[in-house]
């Protein structure tokens, strides 16, 4: 509470200073500031940041919120700033803020001439924002108070044209602001799909880091649930089922999941875990949209689907029609796993991946778009 209060006071103070000095600040058309949720070095922002540095087309910095992230990037000789008063003038000079959540993850205030590019952090299955009661009350309240973050988005980059309608209604963003560029984080998955040696090197590295001896691994990556119900025993049962079938089950929980304290989380990028895994077990998470690119088996473990569907006001598509294996209890999961270990057909998964993930280099498309804005 005290931390939030300090932040609000800082924002008010910085906005006041900005009001008087921003007319005298000249925008640097080549300056791009990146961040993600709470400054963590992850997701679409991370992959576009690395791609831009490789191309060396812009002056690029990652904005870290904590000492560990700052030190990690410094040790990698990557350009990084620590969020705080010290970067105030640089923030006001930036042509672009690039984020996956809220522009204030980049900095507390921005120049009105700064272009906010939101890369988001997934493809929507569950209803969200103005489309879901669990979010809409908060969204409408923020809108009335003038605190609605998404109104500051100049461009929203999404995985494909087939999801534009969901973002349009859930965020109240004009269609022309939503760009079907594809997701930068999936560039590495397309590369892994087409380059066996590259994929194998990542898998070997992951197995080594996690000290896994089993040649087959599966990843369990469930979504966050707004209503908390302890699932420790259930997850332990899943691990045992996979172990009995000669498969190591790696657990990757949502960062906000309260059960996360009971399971040691792999400190490995989720995209690398996807590449290393022979199959994915998930539920209502957008992770399966990404994993489908690899054309490997996907199991949706939907043990609480009725409750979840009511709580989130449904889904943007019929989950029963998705081309994956659906299991509603552990016995079905066990049977499905044994069947998949004998035989796998991923034809329909390939068609699904092609529809919901724009092929090619997503980072390249976004960089090209940014150059056009910078030079206009």
Protein backbone atom coordinates (compact mmCIF):
# COMPACT_ATOMS: atom_id res chain seq x y z
CA UNK A 1 0.00 0.00 0.00
CA UNK A 2 2.82 2.41 0.97
CA UNK A 3 4.71 1.49 -2.20
CA UNK A 4 1.65 2.27 -4.35
CA UNK A 5 1.10 5.56 -2.54
CA UNK A 6 4.72 6.59 -3.18
CA UNK A 7 4.29 5.75 -6.85
CA UNK A 8 1.11 7.85 -7.15
CA UNK A 9 2.85 10.80 -5.48
CA UNK A 10 5.80 10.41 -7.85
CA UNK A 11 3.49 10.30 -10.88
CA UNK A 12 1.67 13.48 -9.78
CA UNK A 13 4.98 15.27 -9.18
CA UNK A 14 6.51 14.16 -12.49
CA UNK A 15 3.38 15.09 -14.43
CA UNK A 16 3.53 18.56 -12.90
CA UNK A 17 7.20 18.98 -13.91
CA UNK A 18 6.46 17.55 -17.35
CA UNK A 19 3.68 20.07 -17.91
CA UNK A 20 6.11 22.97 -17.64
CA UNK A 21 9.17 21.57 -19.42
CA UNK A 22 7.85 19.20 -22.15
CA UNK A 23 7.25 22.06 -24.63
CA UNK A 24 11.02 22.63 -24.59
CA UNK A 25 11.98 18.95 -24.99
CA UNK A 26 12.90 17.78 -28.49
CA UNK A 27 11.81 14.23 -29.34
CA UNK A 28 14.60 11.89 -30.46
CA UNK A 29 13.05 9.91 -33.35
CA UNK A 30 15.55 7.08 -32.88
CA UNK A 31 15.08 6.58 -29.14
CA UNK A 32 13.07 3.52 -28.06
CA UNK A 33 12.39 2.51 -24.46
CA UNK A 34 11.24 -1.03 -23.71
CA UNK A 35 9.77 -2.83 -20.74
CA UNK A 36 7.30 -5.51 -19.74
CA UNK A 37 5.14 -6.17 -16.68
CA UNK A 38 6.95 -4.69 -13.65
CA UNK A 39 10.12 -4.35 -15.73
CA UNK A 40 10.78 -8.10 -15.98
CA UNK A 41 12.89 -9.12 -19.01
CA UNK A 42 10.34 -11.37 -20.71
CA UNK A 43 7.77 -11.83 -23.44
CA UNK A 44 7.24 -9.94 -26.70
CA UNK A 45 9.07 -6.85 -25.49
CA UNK A 46 12.19 -8.89 -24.80
CA UNK A 47 12.28 -10.47 -28.26
CA UNK A 48 11.62 -7.24 -30.16
CA UNK A 49 14.23 -5.43 -28.03
CA UNK A 50 16.87 -8.06 -28.90
CA UNK A 51 15.90 -7.97 -32.59
CA UNK A 52 16.23 -4.17 -32.75
CA UNK A 53 19.62 -4.26 -31.02
CA UNK A 54 20.80 -6.84 -33.54
CA UNK A 55 19.68 -4.63 -36.45
CA UNK A 56 21.14 -1.54 -34.75
CA UNK A 57 18.48 0.76 -36.25
CA UNK A 58 17.46 2.61 -33.10
CA UNK A 59 18.91 3.83 -29.81
CA UNK A 60 17.35 1.20 -27.61
CA UNK A 61 17.14 0.74 -23.84
CA UNK A 62 15.39 -1.72 -21.55
CA UNK A 63 13.87 -0.12 -18.44
CA UNK A 64 14.51 -2.37 -15.43
CA UNK A 65 12.54 -2.02 -12.20
CA UNK A 66 14.80 -4.10 -9.95
CA UNK A 67 18.52 -4.54 -9.30
CA UNK A 68 18.65 -8.15 -10.53
CA UNK A 69 17.20 -7.38 -13.98
CA UNK A 70 19.43 -4.30 -14.27
CA UNK A 71 22.55 -6.31 -13.35
CA UNK A 72 21.63 -9.21 -15.64
CA UNK A 73 21.33 -6.93 -18.69
CA UNK A 74 24.44 -4.95 -17.74
CA UNK A 75 26.43 -8.19 -17.47
CA UNK A 76 25.21 -9.10 -20.97
CA UNK A 77 26.41 -5.70 -22.26
CA UNK A 78 22.82 -4.83 -23.21
CA UNK A 79 21.61 -1.21 -22.97
CA UNK A 80 19.54 -0.79 -19.81
CA UNK A 81 18.18 1.97 -17.59
CA UNK A 82 16.93 1.81 -14.00
CA UNK A 83 13.47 3.28 -13.61
CA UNK A 84 13.46 6.42 -11.46
CA UNK A 85 13.90 10.18 -11.51
CA UNK A 86 17.28 9.79 -13.23
CA UNK A 87 15.71 8.78 -16.55
CA UNK A 88 13.03 11.48 -16.56
CA UNK A 89 14.49 13.53 -19.41
CA UNK A 90 15.32 10.47 -21.49
CA UNK A 91 11.72 9.29 -21.13
CA UNK A 92 10.41 12.65 -22.36
CA UNK A 93 12.73 12.47 -25.39
CA UNK A 94 11.72 8.94 -26.42
CA UNK A 95 9.90 8.53 -29.72
CA UNK A 96 8.59 5.10 -28.70
CA UNK A 97 7.48 3.35 -25.53
CA UNK A 98 7.18 -0.40 -26.20
CA UNK A 99 5.49 -2.65 -23.65
CA UNK A 100 3.34 -5.74 -23.16
CA UNK A 101 1.00 -4.28 -20.54
CA UNK A 102 0.85 -0.64 -19.43
CA UNK A 103 2.99 2.22 -20.77
CA UNK A 104 3.84 3.06 -17.14
CA UNK A 105 5.91 -0.12 -17.03
CA UNK A 106 8.27 1.89 -19.24
CA UNK A 107 8.01 5.12 -17.28
CA UNK A 108 5.57 6.91 -15.00
CA UNK A 109 4.93 9.76 -17.45
CA UNK A 110 5.33 10.24 -21.19
CA UNK A 111 5.57 12.99 -23.74
CA UNK A 112 2.34 13.50 -25.69
CA UNK A 113 4.43 13.05 -28.87
CA UNK A 114 5.71 9.64 -27.73
CA UNK A 115 4.19 6.72 -29.63
CA UNK A 116 3.03 3.86 -27.38
CA UNK A 117 3.30 0.44 -29.02
CA UNK A 118 1.68 -2.33 -27.00
CA UNK A 119 2.78 -5.83 -28.05
CA UNK A 120 0.40 -7.49 -25.57
CA UNK A 121 1.22 -10.87 -24.06
CA UNK A 122 -0.87 -13.50 -25.78
CA UNK A 123 -3.81 -14.44 -27.96
CA UNK A 124 -7.21 -14.24 -26.22
CA UNK A 125 -9.30 -17.34 -25.62
CA UNK A 126 -11.02 -16.35 -22.37
CA UNK A 127 -13.07 -13.16 -22.42
CA UNK A 128 -11.38 -10.14 -20.88
CA UNK A 129 -11.61 -6.40 -20.40
CA UNK A 130 -14.98 -4.84 -21.21
CA UNK A 131 -16.21 -8.28 -22.39
CA UNK A 132 -15.90 -9.95 -18.96
CA UNK A 133 -17.66 -8.92 -15.75
CA UNK A 134 -14.61 -9.82 -13.69
CA UNK A 135 -12.63 -7.07 -15.51
CA UNK A 136 -15.28 -4.67 -16.82
CA UNK A 137 -16.23 -3.00 -13.52
CA UNK A 138 -12.61 -2.03 -12.97
CA UNK A 139 -12.23 -0.92 -16.60
CA UNK A 140 -15.35 1.29 -16.53
CA UNK A 141 -14.31 2.84 -13.20
CA UNK A 142 -10.83 3.65 -14.52
CA UNK A 143 -12.39 5.12 -17.65
CA UNK A 144 -14.61 7.44 -15.59
CA UNK A 145 -11.67 8.52 -13.44
CA UNK A 146 -9.46 9.15 -16.47
CA UNK A 147 -7.10 6.36 -15.39
CA UNK A 148 -7.82 3.87 -18.17
CA UNK A 149 -4.36 2.75 -19.34
CA UNK A 150 -5.32 1.33 -22.73
CA UNK A 151 -6.53 4.70 -24.01
CA UNK A 152 -2.85 5.64 -24.31
CA UNK A 153 -2.12 2.81 -26.76
CA UNK A 154 -1.30 4.23 -30.19
CA UNK A 155 -0.81 0.81 -31.81
CA UNK A 156 -1.59 -2.67 -30.53
CA UNK A 157 0.28 -5.56 -32.18
CA UNK A 158 -1.56 -8.89 -32.26
CA UNK A 159 -0.83 -12.42 -33.46
CA UNK A 160 -3.17 -12.49 -36.46
CA UNK A 161 -6.11 -10.76 -38.14
CA UNK A 162 -8.44 -13.38 -36.63
CA UNK A 163 -8.11 -11.89 -33.14
CA UNK A 164 -8.57 -8.19 -33.97
CA UNK A 165 -12.30 -8.30 -33.09
CA UNK A 166 -11.58 -9.59 -29.56
CA UNK A 167 -9.13 -6.78 -28.76
CA UNK A 168 -11.40 -4.20 -30.37
CA UNK A 169 -14.31 -5.05 -28.07
CA UNK A 170 -12.39 -5.94 -24.91
CA UNK A 171 -10.16 -2.84 -24.90
CA UNK A 172 -12.41 -0.38 -26.74
CA UNK A 173 -9.60 0.30 -29.22
CA UNK A 174 -10.27 1.47 -32.77
CA UNK A 175 -9.73 -1.27 -35.35
CA UNK A 176 -7.22 0.80 -37.33
CA UNK A 177 -4.93 0.89 -34.28
CA UNK A 178 -4.73 -2.92 -34.10
CA UNK A 179 -1.97 -4.37 -36.27
CA UNK A 180 -1.83 -8.12 -37.11
CA UNK A 181 1.97 -8.21 -37.10
CA UNK A 182 2.40 -11.51 -35.30
CA UNK A 183 4.16 -11.82 -31.93
CA UNK A 184 7.94 -11.23 -31.68
CA UNK A 185 8.23 -13.95 -29.04
CA UNK A 186 7.12 -16.51 -31.61
CA UNK A 187 9.92 -15.77 -34.08
CA UNK A 188 12.07 -18.20 -32.10
CA UNK A 189 9.36 -20.90 -32.34
CA UNK A 190 9.17 -20.60 -36.13
CA UNK A 191 12.95 -20.89 -36.25
CA UNK A 192 12.90 -23.98 -34.02
CA UNK A 193 10.20 -25.57 -36.18
CA UNK A 194 12.31 -25.17 -39.31
CA UNK A 195 15.76 -25.80 -37.82
CA UNK A 196 16.12 -29.15 -36.03
CA UNK A 197 19.66 -28.47 -34.81
CA UNK A 198 18.64 -25.13 -33.32
CA UNK A 199 15.67 -26.72 -31.52
CA UNK A 200 17.81 -29.61 -30.29
CA UNK A 201 20.48 -27.30 -28.87
CA UNK A 202 17.82 -25.42 -26.89
CA UNK A 203 16.33 -28.69 -25.60
CA UNK A 204 19.74 -29.98 -24.48
CA UNK A 205 20.43 -26.69 -22.71
CA UNK A 206 17.06 -26.79 -20.91
CA UNK A 207 17.52 -30.43 -19.86
CA UNK A 208 20.95 -29.58 -18.51
CA UNK A 209 19.74 -26.55 -16.54
CA UNK A 210 16.85 -28.51 -15.02
CA UNK A 211 19.00 -31.61 -14.46
CA UNK A 212 16.46 -33.80 -16.29
CA UNK A 213 17.64 -37.24 -17.44
CA UNK A 214 14.42 -38.34 -19.13
CA UNK A 215 14.55 -37.94 -22.94
CA UNK A 216 10.85 -37.00 -22.99
CA UNK A 217 9.50 -33.96 -21.19
CA UNK A 218 6.07 -32.35 -21.04
CA UNK A 219 5.24 -28.83 -19.93
CA UNK A 220 2.25 -28.05 -17.72
CA UNK A 221 1.43 -24.34 -18.10
CA UNK A 222 -2.06 -23.49 -16.78
CA UNK A 223 -3.57 -20.02 -16.84
CA UNK A 224 -4.18 -17.73 -13.88
CA UNK A 225 -7.47 -18.22 -12.05
CA UNK A 226 -9.11 -15.17 -10.51
CA UNK A 227 -10.75 -17.34 -7.86
CA UNK A 228 -8.08 -19.13 -5.81
CA UNK A 229 -8.49 -22.82 -5.05
CA UNK A 230 -5.42 -24.73 -3.90
CA UNK A 231 -4.35 -27.28 -6.56
CA UNK A 232 -1.14 -28.60 -5.00
CA UNK A 233 -2.40 -32.18 -4.65
CA UNK A 234 -3.78 -32.14 -8.20
CA UNK A 235 -0.49 -30.96 -9.67
CA UNK A 236 1.44 -33.57 -7.68
CA UNK A 237 -0.92 -36.23 -9.05
CA UNK A 238 -0.23 -35.02 -12.59
CA UNK A 239 3.51 -35.26 -12.03
CA UNK A 240 3.10 -38.84 -10.83
CA UNK A 241 0.97 -39.82 -13.85
CA UNK A 242 3.61 -38.56 -16.26
CA UNK A 243 6.45 -40.11 -14.26
CA UNK A 244 4.75 -43.53 -14.41
CA UNK A 245 4.67 -43.17 -18.21
CA UNK A 246 8.34 -42.24 -18.54
CA UNK A 247 7.77 -38.52 -19.06
CA UNK A 248 9.18 -35.70 -16.92
CA UNK A 249 6.51 -33.07 -16.24
CA UNK A 250 7.86 -29.52 -15.89
CA UNK A 251 5.56 -27.15 -14.00
CA UNK A 252 5.37 -23.51 -15.15
CA UNK A 253 2.69 -21.60 -13.24
CA UNK A 254 1.38 -18.11 -13.92
CA UNK A 255 3.42 -15.50 -11.98
CA UNK A 256 0.29 -14.48 -10.03
CA UNK A 257 -0.75 -18.07 -9.18
CA UNK A 258 -0.72 -18.51 -5.40
CA UNK A 259 0.30 -22.17 -5.74
CA UNK A 260 3.62 -21.02 -7.20
CA UNK A 261 5.19 -21.05 -3.71
CA UNK A 262 4.84 -24.85 -3.59
CA UNK A 263 6.65 -25.58 -6.85
CA UNK A 264 10.15 -24.51 -7.81
CA UNK A 265 9.80 -22.58 -11.06
CA UNK A 266 12.34 -23.02 -13.86
CA UNK A 267 14.23 -19.75 -14.38
CA UNK A 268 14.12 -20.33 -18.12
CA UNK A 269 12.31 -18.32 -20.76
CA UNK A 270 8.88 -19.85 -21.46
CA UNK A 271 9.54 -19.93 -25.23
CA UNK A 272 12.62 -22.07 -24.63
CA UNK A 273 10.61 -24.38 -22.39
CA UNK A 274 8.07 -24.77 -25.21
CA UNK A 275 10.80 -25.68 -27.69
CA UNK A 276 12.29 -28.21 -25.26
CA UNK A 277 8.95 -29.90 -24.51
CA UNK A 278 7.59 -32.89 -26.43
CA UNK A 279 4.02 -31.99 -25.49
CA UNK A 280 2.06 -29.25 -23.75
CA UNK A 281 -0.61 -29.55 -21.09
CA UNK A 282 -2.57 -26.37 -20.52
CA UNK A 283 -6.17 -25.14 -20.23
CA UNK A 284 -7.48 -21.66 -21.03
CA UNK A 285 -4.06 -20.08 -21.39
CA UNK A 286 -2.94 -18.45 -24.64
CA UNK A 287 0.24 -20.55 -24.50
CA UNK A 288 -1.29 -23.23 -26.73
CA UNK A 289 -1.65 -20.71 -29.58
CA UNK A 290 2.13 -20.31 -29.49
CA UNK A 291 2.93 -23.98 -28.98
CA UNK A 292 0.78 -25.00 -31.96
CA UNK A 293 3.48 -23.49 -34.20
CA UNK A 294 5.73 -26.43 -33.28
CA UNK A 295 3.01 -28.91 -34.36
CA UNK A 296 3.38 -31.12 -31.30
CA UNK A 297 0.70 -32.74 -29.09
CA UNK A 298 -1.43 -30.46 -26.92
CA UNK A 299 -3.69 -31.58 -24.07
CA UNK A 300 -6.22 -29.20 -22.56
CA UNK A 301 -6.87 -30.24 -18.96
CA UNK A 302 -10.32 -28.71 -18.37
CA UNK A 303 -11.25 -30.08 -14.95
CA UNK A 304 -12.99 -26.82 -13.94
CA UNK A 305 -14.36 -25.65 -17.30
CA UNK A 306 -17.97 -25.02 -16.22
CA UNK A 307 -17.01 -22.87 -13.27
CA UNK A 308 -14.30 -21.06 -15.22
CA UNK A 309 -16.57 -20.37 -18.19
CA UNK A 310 -19.23 -18.81 -15.96
CA UNK A 311 -16.68 -16.74 -14.07
CA UNK A 312 -15.08 -15.33 -17.26
CA UNK A 313 -18.38 -14.93 -19.20
CA UNK A 314 -17.27 -17.51 -21.74
CA UNK A 315 -14.66 -17.64 -24.47
CA UNK A 316 -14.03 -15.91 -27.79
CA UNK A 317 -14.19 -19.26 -29.57
CA UNK A 318 -15.73 -22.67 -28.92
CA UNK A 319 -13.15 -24.48 -26.83
CA UNK A 320 -14.71 -27.84 -27.66
CA UNK A 321 -13.90 -27.27 -31.36
CA UNK A 322 -10.20 -26.63 -30.79
CA UNK A 323 -8.04 -29.32 -32.46
CA UNK A 324 -6.49 -30.54 -29.21
CA UNK A 325 -7.10 -33.41 -26.80
CA UNK A 326 -9.59 -32.39 -24.10
CA UNK A 327 -9.49 -34.09 -20.68
CA UNK A 328 -11.83 -33.36 -17.78
CA UNK A 329 -10.31 -35.52 -15.05
CA UNK A 330 -7.03 -37.27 -14.28
CA UNK A 331 -8.22 -40.67 -15.55
CA UNK A 332 -8.94 -39.22 -18.99
CA UNK A 333 -5.58 -37.47 -18.91
CA UNK A 334 -3.79 -40.74 -18.14
CA UNK A 335 -5.54 -42.56 -21.02
CA UNK A 336 -4.88 -39.70 -23.47
CA UNK A 337 -1.21 -39.53 -22.52
CA UNK A 338 -0.73 -43.26 -23.11
CA UNK A 339 -2.44 -42.97 -26.51
CA UNK A 340 -0.29 -39.98 -27.52
CA UNK A 341 2.90 -41.80 -26.61
CA UNK A 342 1.92 -44.48 -29.15
CA UNK A 343 0.59 -42.34 -31.97
CA UNK A 344 0.30 -38.62 -32.83
CA UNK A 345 -1.49 -36.79 -35.64
CA UNK A 346 -0.82 -33.02 -35.75
CA UNK A 347 -2.46 -32.17 -39.11
CA UNK A 348 -5.27 -30.13 -37.55
CA UNK A 349 -2.84 -28.43 -35.18
CA UNK A 350 -0.87 -27.20 -38.19
CA UNK A 351 -4.02 -25.65 -39.72
CA UNK A 352 -4.85 -23.98 -36.39
CA UNK A 353 -1.34 -22.57 -36.04
CA UNK A 354 -1.43 -21.12 -39.57
CA UNK A 355 -4.71 -19.34 -38.81
CA UNK A 356 -3.82 -17.80 -35.46
CA UNK A 357 -0.10 -17.05 -35.89
CA UNK A 358 1.06 -14.86 -38.74
CA UNK A 359 4.07 -16.51 -40.35
CA UNK A 360 7.40 -14.87 -40.99
CA UNK A 361 9.43 -12.45 -38.89
CA UNK A 362 7.05 -10.51 -36.63
CA UNK A 363 9.90 -8.41 -35.24
CA UNK A 364 10.88 -7.41 -38.78
CA UNK A 365 7.35 -6.22 -39.55
CA UNK A 366 7.18 -4.12 -36.38
CA UNK A 367 10.65 -2.64 -36.92
CA UNK A 368 9.70 -1.66 -40.46
CA UNK A 369 6.56 0.02 -39.15
CA UNK A 370 8.54 1.88 -36.47
CA UNK A 371 11.07 3.13 -39.04
CA UNK A 372 8.20 4.48 -41.13
CA UNK A 373 6.83 6.41 -38.14
CA UNK A 374 10.28 7.65 -37.10
CA UNK A 375 11.00 8.96 -40.59
CA UNK A 376 7.60 10.57 -41.18
